Amino acid sequence: MSAPINVESLFSVKGLVALVTGGGTGIGLMMAKALADGGAAKVYIVGRRTEVLQAAAASIGKPTVVVPLYCDVTSKVSLESVADVIANDAGYLNLLVCNAGVSGPYVVSPTAGESAKDWAARSLAHGVDEYTDTFRLNTVSVWYTAMACLDLLDRGNKKGNMGWSSQVVVTSSIAGFNKKSTGGFAYGQSKAAATHLVKQLSVVLPTWGMRANAILPGLFPSDMSAPLMELAGADPNQKHEVIPVNKSAVPEGRMGDDLDMAGQILYLASKAGSYLNGNIIICDGGRLTTFPTTF
């Protein structure tokens, strides 16, 4: 008979050094808090709004653990600067969470009786830059953030080994599998690309003993999801722990919360998820089952 399983140790991230992009709000903040509360040694949270990052770090209440840093993840120079700061501080990373994202231009659905020409004109009104900027943040930045941090993750395997391999976790979205665009055409396409990017990373990173996995959330409270929350029957301003939504939108009948996301990131970041590579975790309360999908 094997020894009893130490469940606390199995899901522990004690001593972990992590970087979470977009860690000042929404899902990124949920992840950062879970890692810090779980015993991580350092959790760097980065974004472009320093005041938001500082407020987020203060809300977690672990000033020696949670470190807010300015970073524009669409800038190679900014990414390299953050990597240098981490190299001089902790010296390595065990976990990189590429979470920063943007909703992009909102969906322009055809109206009853609308001509193809008129719908195309309304769609073109967004402009090319607004569309491509969605990919710039949701997809391209994931690749460049991973490359900027690759040496730090390699050092994590060599100098700060947790007992399992360094990892990149990407926050993608079920929108990448959903053929019915509820948020935005650019958003869904960019998230499909981000999910595929994870698959490609999962093939390459084992060369250096690293892994890549993805979490695909559904409806979680954030500034970005506010319009979708209203469509699903939720109040974006509601501050209760459980935010109910119509079961026709989410079969579970509620929004995802901080514990739902904490469970996913602690699973992936700990020994419990250390055998996962190229894995796609759908965390959506069953929402994807209500749409025609590519999955």
Protein backbone atom coordinates (compact mmCIF):
# COMPACT_ATOMS: atom_id res chain seq x y z
CA MET A 1 0.00 0.00 0.00
CA SER A 2 1.29 3.50 -0.84
CA ALA A 3 1.54 6.21 1.79
CA PRO A 4 -1.52 8.42 2.36
CA ILE A 5 -1.76 11.34 -0.05
CA ASN A 6 -0.90 14.69 1.50
CA VAL A 7 -3.60 16.72 -0.25
CA GLU A 8 -2.36 20.04 1.13
CA SER A 9 1.10 19.41 -0.26
CA LEU A 10 -0.31 18.18 -3.57
CA PHE A 11 -1.90 21.56 -4.31
CA SER A 12 0.72 23.71 -2.58
CA VAL A 13 2.57 26.50 -4.42
CA LYS A 14 4.76 27.38 -1.45
CA GLY A 15 7.97 29.01 -2.64
CA LEU A 16 6.75 29.52 -6.21
CA VAL A 17 7.85 32.59 -8.18
CA ALA A 18 5.23 33.75 -10.68
CA LEU A 19 4.47 36.57 -13.09
CA VAL A 20 0.85 37.40 -13.96
CA THR A 21 0.19 39.82 -16.80
CA GLY A 22 -2.99 41.84 -16.45
CA GLY A 23 -2.83 40.99 -12.76
CA GLY A 24 -4.48 44.14 -11.50
CA THR A 25 -8.11 43.29 -12.22
CA GLY A 26 -10.55 40.50 -13.05
CA ILE A 27 -9.23 37.00 -13.62
CA GLY A 28 -5.60 38.09 -13.36
CA LEU A 29 -6.17 39.47 -9.87
CA MET A 30 -8.04 36.29 -8.89
CA MET A 31 -5.04 34.23 -9.97
CA ALA A 32 -2.49 36.47 -8.30
CA LYS A 33 -4.39 36.36 -5.00
CA ALA A 34 -4.74 32.57 -5.17
CA LEU A 35 -0.99 32.14 -5.73
CA ALA A 36 -0.08 34.60 -2.96
CA ASP A 37 -2.53 33.04 -0.50
CA GLY A 38 -1.24 29.61 -1.51
CA GLY A 39 2.27 30.43 -0.30
CA ALA A 40 4.06 31.73 -3.39
CA ALA A 41 7.35 33.48 -2.61
CA LYS A 42 6.83 36.19 -5.23
CA VAL A 43 3.92 37.12 -7.47
CA TYR A 44 4.75 39.88 -9.92
CA ILE A 45 1.65 41.54 -11.36
CA VAL A 46 2.09 43.72 -14.43
CA GLY A 47 -0.02 46.04 -16.51
CA ARG A 48 -0.14 49.56 -17.92
CA ARG A 49 -2.14 51.19 -15.08
CA THR A 50 0.25 51.45 -12.14
CA GLU A 51 -2.39 52.84 -9.79
CA VAL A 52 -4.64 49.85 -10.49
CA LEU A 53 -1.75 47.44 -9.90
CA GLN A 54 -0.82 49.13 -6.63
CA ALA A 55 -4.43 48.97 -5.42
CA ALA A 56 -4.60 45.29 -6.39
CA ALA A 57 -1.40 44.48 -4.50
CA ALA A 58 -2.68 46.36 -1.45
CA SER A 59 -5.97 44.44 -1.57
CA ILE A 60 -4.12 41.13 -1.34
CA GLY A 61 -2.25 42.37 1.72
CA LYS A 62 1.07 40.62 1.18
CA PRO A 63 3.47 43.46 0.31
CA THR A 64 6.61 41.32 0.45
CA VAL A 65 5.05 38.80 -1.95
CA VAL A 66 2.94 40.70 -4.49
CA VAL A 67 5.04 43.11 -6.55
CA PRO A 68 3.29 45.51 -8.97
CA LEU A 69 5.31 46.49 -12.04
CA TYR A 70 4.46 48.64 -15.03
CA CYS A 71 4.60 46.76 -18.31
CA ASP A 72 3.13 47.16 -21.77
CA VAL A 73 2.99 43.55 -22.96
CA THR A 74 2.73 44.70 -26.58
CA SER A 75 6.18 46.31 -26.27
CA LYS A 76 9.31 44.18 -26.62
CA VAL A 77 11.36 46.80 -24.76
CA SER A 78 8.87 46.92 -21.87
CA LEU A 79 8.77 43.13 -21.60
CA GLU A 80 12.56 42.88 -21.56
CA SER A 81 12.71 45.59 -18.88
CA VAL A 82 10.36 43.63 -16.60
CA ALA A 83 12.33 40.44 -17.23
CA ASP A 84 15.50 42.28 -16.14
CA VAL A 85 13.81 43.50 -12.93
CA ILE A 86 12.73 39.95 -12.06
CA ALA A 87 16.17 38.56 -12.92
CA ASN A 88 17.76 41.03 -10.49
CA ASP A 89 15.15 40.45 -7.79
CA ALA A 90 14.01 36.82 -7.56
CA GLY A 91 16.42 35.58 -10.24
CA TYR A 92 13.99 33.22 -11.95
CA LEU A 93 10.37 32.27 -12.63
CA ASN A 94 8.55 29.00 -12.06
CA LEU A 95 5.32 30.18 -13.61
CA LEU A 96 4.33 32.71 -16.25
CA VAL A 97 0.63 33.52 -16.57
CA CYS A 98 -0.16 35.33 -19.83
CA ASN A 99 -3.51 36.78 -18.85
CA ALA A 100 -3.64 40.33 -20.28
CA GLY A 101 -6.40 40.78 -22.83
CA VAL A 102 -8.87 43.15 -24.47
CA SER A 103 -12.39 42.70 -25.78
CA GLY A 104 -11.83 44.55 -29.04
CA PRO A 105 -14.59 45.93 -31.26
CA TYR A 106 -17.97 44.70 -30.13
CA VAL A 107 -19.90 42.28 -32.34
CA VAL A 108 -21.85 43.83 -35.23
CA SER A 109 -24.62 41.32 -35.90
CA PRO A 110 -26.80 41.62 -39.02
CA THR A 111 -30.28 42.98 -38.36
CA ALA A 112 -33.47 41.55 -39.87
CA GLY A 113 -33.69 42.45 -43.53
CA GLU A 114 -30.29 44.16 -43.59
CA SER A 115 -28.46 43.93 -46.89
CA ALA A 116 -25.03 42.38 -47.16
CA LYS A 117 -23.68 45.75 -48.30
CA ASP A 118 -25.06 47.59 -45.27
CA TRP A 119 -23.83 44.98 -42.78
CA ALA A 120 -20.37 45.06 -44.35
CA ALA A 121 -20.34 48.86 -44.12
CA ARG A 122 -21.20 48.76 -40.42
CA SER A 123 -18.51 46.17 -39.82
CA LEU A 124 -15.91 48.21 -41.70
CA ALA A 125 -16.73 51.23 -39.55
CA HIS A 126 -14.59 49.80 -36.72
CA GLY A 127 -11.43 50.26 -38.74
CA VAL A 128 -8.49 47.94 -39.29
CA ASP A 129 -6.41 49.20 -36.37
CA GLU A 130 -9.11 48.47 -33.78
CA TYR A 131 -9.45 44.94 -35.12
CA THR A 132 -5.74 44.15 -35.35
CA ASP A 133 -5.03 45.69 -31.93
CA THR A 134 -7.21 42.91 -30.48
CA PHE A 135 -4.81 40.33 -31.91
CA ARG A 136 -1.83 42.43 -30.84
CA LEU A 137 -2.80 42.08 -27.18
CA ASN A 138 -4.70 38.78 -27.06
CA THR A 139 -2.37 36.73 -29.24
CA VAL A 140 0.87 38.40 -30.26
CA SER A 141 1.69 39.58 -26.73
CA VAL A 142 1.36 36.02 -25.43
CA TRP A 143 4.14 34.87 -27.72
CA TYR A 144 6.47 37.77 -26.97
CA THR A 145 5.82 37.62 -23.23
CA ALA A 146 6.71 33.93 -23.25
CA MET A 147 9.89 34.58 -25.25
CA ALA A 148 10.91 37.49 -23.00
CA CYS A 149 10.53 35.25 -19.93
CA LEU A 150 11.92 32.03 -21.37
CA ASP A 151 15.35 32.38 -19.81
CA LEU A 152 13.78 33.13 -16.42
CA LEU A 153 11.65 29.99 -16.70
CA ASP A 154 14.75 28.01 -17.68
CA ARG A 155 16.49 29.35 -14.58
CA GLY A 156 13.45 28.30 -12.57
CA ASN A 157 14.10 24.72 -13.57
CA LYS A 158 17.79 24.96 -12.69
CA LYS A 159 17.95 27.25 -9.65
CA GLY A 160 14.49 27.52 -8.17
CA ASN A 161 13.09 24.10 -8.88
CA MET A 162 9.79 23.37 -7.19
CA GLY A 163 10.14 19.66 -7.87
CA TRP A 164 8.27 20.00 -11.16
CA SER A 165 8.89 21.87 -14.40
CA SER A 166 8.45 25.55 -15.18
CA GLN A 167 5.29 26.44 -17.03
CA VAL A 168 3.47 29.00 -19.16
CA VAL A 169 -0.27 29.27 -18.50
CA VAL A 170 -2.35 31.28 -20.95
CA THR A 171 -5.77 32.73 -20.20
CA SER A 172 -7.66 32.20 -23.44
CA SER A 173 -11.46 32.02 -23.74
CA ILE A 174 -14.32 29.75 -24.75
CA ALA A 175 -14.97 32.45 -27.38
CA GLY A 176 -12.21 30.77 -29.38
CA PHE A 177 -14.40 27.66 -29.69
CA ASN A 178 -17.74 29.45 -30.01
CA LYS A 179 -18.94 29.87 -33.61
CA LYS A 180 -21.67 32.29 -32.50
CA SER A 181 -19.87 35.53 -31.70
CA THR A 182 -21.39 37.00 -28.54
CA GLY A 183 -18.60 39.44 -27.76
CA GLY A 184 -16.71 40.34 -30.87
CA PHE A 185 -15.50 38.69 -34.06
CA ALA A 186 -11.94 39.89 -33.46
CA TYR A 187 -12.04 38.68 -29.85
CA GLY A 188 -13.13 35.14 -30.70
CA GLN A 189 -10.65 34.83 -33.53
CA SER A 190 -7.78 36.18 -31.42
CA LYS A 191 -8.59 33.77 -28.59
CA ALA A 192 -8.75 30.84 -31.00
CA ALA A 193 -5.27 31.85 -32.13
CA ALA A 194 -4.08 32.13 -28.51
CA THR A 195 -5.33 28.62 -27.77
CA HIS A 196 -3.52 27.29 -30.82
CA LEU A 197 -0.41 29.17 -29.71
CA VAL A 198 -0.49 27.21 -26.44
CA LYS A 199 -0.56 23.96 -28.41
CA GLN A 200 2.50 25.06 -30.37
CA LEU A 201 4.34 26.09 -27.20
CA SER A 202 3.55 22.72 -25.63
CA VAL A 203 5.46 21.03 -28.45
CA VAL A 204 8.50 23.34 -28.30
CA LEU A 205 8.97 24.01 -24.59
CA PRO A 206 9.70 20.42 -23.51
CA THR A 207 13.03 20.89 -25.33
CA TRP A 208 14.07 22.82 -22.23
CA GLY A 209 11.95 20.90 -19.75
CA MET A 210 9.05 23.36 -19.70
CA ARG A 211 5.32 23.12 -20.32
CA ALA A 212 2.40 25.19 -21.60
CA ASN A 213 -1.28 24.93 -20.70
CA ALA A 214 -4.38 27.09 -21.11
CA ILE A 215 -7.43 28.05 -19.10
CA LEU A 216 -10.51 28.94 -21.14
CA PRO A 217 -12.93 30.85 -18.90
CA GLY A 218 -16.54 31.65 -19.63
CA LEU A 219 -18.34 34.45 -17.78
CA PHE A 220 -16.28 35.85 -14.91
CA PRO A 221 -16.84 39.35 -13.50
CA SER A 222 -14.56 41.99 -14.99
CA ASP A 223 -14.71 45.33 -16.75
CA MET A 224 -14.31 43.51 -20.06
CA SER A 225 -17.21 41.12 -19.47
CA ALA A 226 -19.72 43.75 -18.29
CA PRO A 227 -21.72 43.88 -21.57
CA LEU A 228 -21.96 40.08 -21.69
CA MET A 229 -23.00 39.96 -18.05
CA GLU A 230 -25.98 42.17 -18.83
CA LEU A 231 -26.96 39.98 -21.79
CA ALA A 232 -26.83 36.94 -19.51
CA GLY A 233 -29.12 38.57 -16.96
CA ALA A 234 -26.45 39.60 -14.44
CA ASP A 235 -25.88 42.97 -12.83
CA PRO A 236 -22.28 44.10 -13.60
CA ASN A 237 -22.31 46.26 -10.46
CA GLN A 238 -23.33 43.45 -8.12
CA LYS A 239 -20.71 42.78 -5.46
CA HIS A 240 -22.10 39.56 -3.96
CA GLU A 241 -19.90 36.47 -3.87
CA VAL A 242 -22.41 34.59 -6.04
CA ILE A 243 -23.69 36.49 -9.08
CA PRO A 244 -26.71 34.70 -10.57
CA VAL A 245 -27.26 34.58 -14.34
CA ASN A 246 -29.89 33.00 -16.54
CA LYS A 247 -29.41 29.25 -16.87
CA SER A 248 -30.06 29.60 -20.58
CA ALA A 249 -26.76 31.52 -20.70
CA VAL A 250 -24.81 29.53 -18.10
CA PRO A 251 -26.31 26.16 -17.11
CA GLU A 252 -24.69 26.43 -13.67
CA GLY A 253 -26.84 29.52 -13.11
CA ARG A 254 -24.09 31.83 -11.89
CA MET A 255 -20.97 33.70 -12.89
CA GLY A 256 -17.59 32.18 -12.22
CA ASP A 257 -15.99 33.48 -9.03
CA ASP A 258 -12.56 33.85 -7.44
CA LEU A 259 -12.63 30.35 -5.92
CA ASP A 260 -13.43 28.80 -9.31
CA MET A 261 -10.41 30.50 -10.84
CA ALA A 262 -8.22 29.85 -7.79
CA GLY A 263 -8.93 26.15 -8.18
CA GLN A 264 -7.78 26.14 -11.78
CA ILE A 265 -4.52 28.05 -11.31
CA LEU A 266 -3.55 26.21 -8.11
CA TYR A 267 -4.17 22.90 -9.88
CA LEU A 268 -1.98 23.83 -12.83
CA ALA A 269 0.75 25.56 -10.80
CA SER A 270 1.16 22.84 -8.16
CA LYS A 271 2.35 19.25 -8.14
CA ALA A 272 -1.27 18.25 -8.82
CA GLY A 273 -1.06 19.55 -12.40
CA SER A 274 2.62 18.90 -13.04
CA TYR A 275 1.96 16.12 -15.58
CA LEU A 276 -0.09 18.44 -17.80
CA ASN A 277 1.31 19.84 -21.03
CA GLY A 278 -0.76 21.18 -23.91
CA ASN A 279 -3.87 20.88 -21.78
CA ILE A 280 -6.95 23.04 -22.33
CA ILE A 281 -9.13 23.56 -19.25
CA ILE A 282 -12.62 24.89 -19.95
CA CYS A 283 -13.98 26.70 -16.90
CA ASP A 284 -17.35 28.12 -17.92
CA GLY A 285 -20.21 26.59 -15.89
CA GLY A 286 -21.36 24.79 -19.03
CA ARG A 287 -21.79 27.95 -21.13
CA LEU A 288 -20.05 26.48 -24.16
CA THR A 289 -22.68 23.74 -24.35
CA THR A 290 -25.29 26.37 -25.22
CA PHE A 291 -23.57 27.37 -28.47
CA PRO A 292 -22.61 25.77 -31.78
CA THR A 293 -18.90 25.18 -31.31
CA THR A 294 -15.73 23.99 -33.00
CA PHE A 295 -14.85 21.88 -29.93
